[in-house]
Amino acid sequence: MVAETSQTTFDSLVNIQLKGPFFITQKALSLLNDGGRIINISTGLARFSLPGYRAYASMKAGIETFTRYLARAGI
């Protein structure tokens, strides 16, 4: 639940599920061969709701959006 999610837990989820993939992708861009691609893994929880997964699903929705922007840029 939102009221029960600590800032420490939230920060950990951001670091692992959103910040990590963002900056790993940033580093990997210079290493990609022509036509190379980045693949990110998400979850159905970004598209449907289950109790107790609000923060986690929010981070995964962020990764899905980030991935769509990368695809639009041809990465």
Protein backbone atom coordinates (compact mmCIF):
# COMPACT_ATOMS: atom_id res chain seq x y z
CA MET A 1 0.00 0.00 0.00
CA VAL A 2 1.11 3.55 -0.61
CA ALA A 3 0.85 4.43 3.08
CA GLU A 4 3.04 1.46 3.99
CA THR A 5 5.80 1.98 1.40
CA SER A 6 8.85 3.47 3.06
CA GLN A 7 11.07 5.99 1.33
CA THR A 8 13.92 3.47 1.57
CA THR A 9 11.89 0.81 -0.24
CA PHE A 10 10.74 3.31 -2.85
CA ASP A 11 14.31 4.55 -3.44
CA SER A 12 15.52 0.97 -3.78
CA LEU A 13 12.85 0.24 -6.39
CA VAL A 14 13.73 3.39 -8.33
CA ASN A 15 17.43 2.51 -8.26
CA ILE A 16 16.95 -1.10 -9.38
CA GLN A 17 13.95 -0.92 -11.70
CA LEU A 18 14.35 2.51 -13.33
CA LYS A 19 17.65 4.27 -12.65
CA GLY A 20 19.78 1.16 -13.24
CA PRO A 21 18.38 0.33 -16.69
CA PHE A 22 18.48 4.01 -17.70
CA PHE A 23 22.19 4.44 -16.96
CA ILE A 24 23.20 0.98 -18.17
CA THR A 25 21.52 1.87 -21.46
CA GLN A 26 23.38 5.18 -21.53
CA LYS A 27 26.71 3.36 -21.16
CA ALA A 28 25.76 0.66 -23.68
CA LEU A 29 24.86 3.08 -26.48
CA SER A 30 28.47 3.62 -27.47
CA LEU A 31 29.02 -0.16 -27.56
CA LEU A 32 26.12 -1.07 -29.84
CA ASN A 33 26.96 -2.23 -33.33
CA ASP A 34 25.05 -0.78 -36.25
CA GLY A 35 21.50 -2.11 -35.98
CA GLY A 36 22.03 -3.17 -32.34
CA ARG A 37 19.08 -2.99 -29.99
CA ILE A 38 18.32 -2.66 -26.30
CA ILE A 39 15.72 -4.99 -24.80
CA ASN A 40 14.13 -4.16 -21.45
CA ILE A 41 11.97 -6.55 -19.47
CA SER A 42 8.81 -5.33 -17.78
CA THR A 43 5.70 -6.87 -16.25
CA GLY A 44 2.00 -7.06 -16.86
CA LEU A 45 1.62 -5.15 -13.60
CA ALA A 46 2.34 -2.00 -15.60
CA ARG A 47 -0.94 -2.60 -17.45
CA PHE A 48 -3.21 -4.12 -14.77
CA SER A 49 -3.47 -3.68 -11.02
CA LEU A 50 -2.92 -6.02 -8.10
CA PRO A 51 -2.84 -5.00 -4.45
CA GLY A 52 0.61 -4.37 -3.03
CA TYR A 53 2.48 -3.65 -6.27
CA ARG A 54 1.90 0.08 -6.75
CA ALA A 55 5.48 1.29 -6.42
CA TYR A 56 7.02 -1.63 -8.35
CA ALA A 57 4.48 -1.34 -11.17
CA SER A 58 5.10 2.41 -11.38
CA MET A 59 8.81 1.80 -11.99
CA LYS A 60 8.07 -0.83 -14.64
CA ALA A 61 5.67 1.56 -16.37
CA GLY A 62 8.53 4.06 -16.40
CA ILE A 63 10.82 1.51 -18.08
CA GLU A 64 8.16 0.76 -20.67
CA THR A 65 7.88 4.47 -21.47
CA PHE A 66 11.67 4.85 -21.59
CA THR A 67 11.87 1.86 -23.96
CA ARG A 68 9.21 3.33 -26.26
CA TYR A 69 11.21 6.57 -26.46
CA LEU A 70 14.37 4.63 -27.28
CA ALA A 71 12.53 2.75 -30.02
CA ARG A 72 11.19 5.99 -31.44
CA ALA A 73 14.76 7.30 -31.61
CA GLY A 74 15.84 4.14 -33.46
CA ILE A 75 17.85 2.68 -30.58
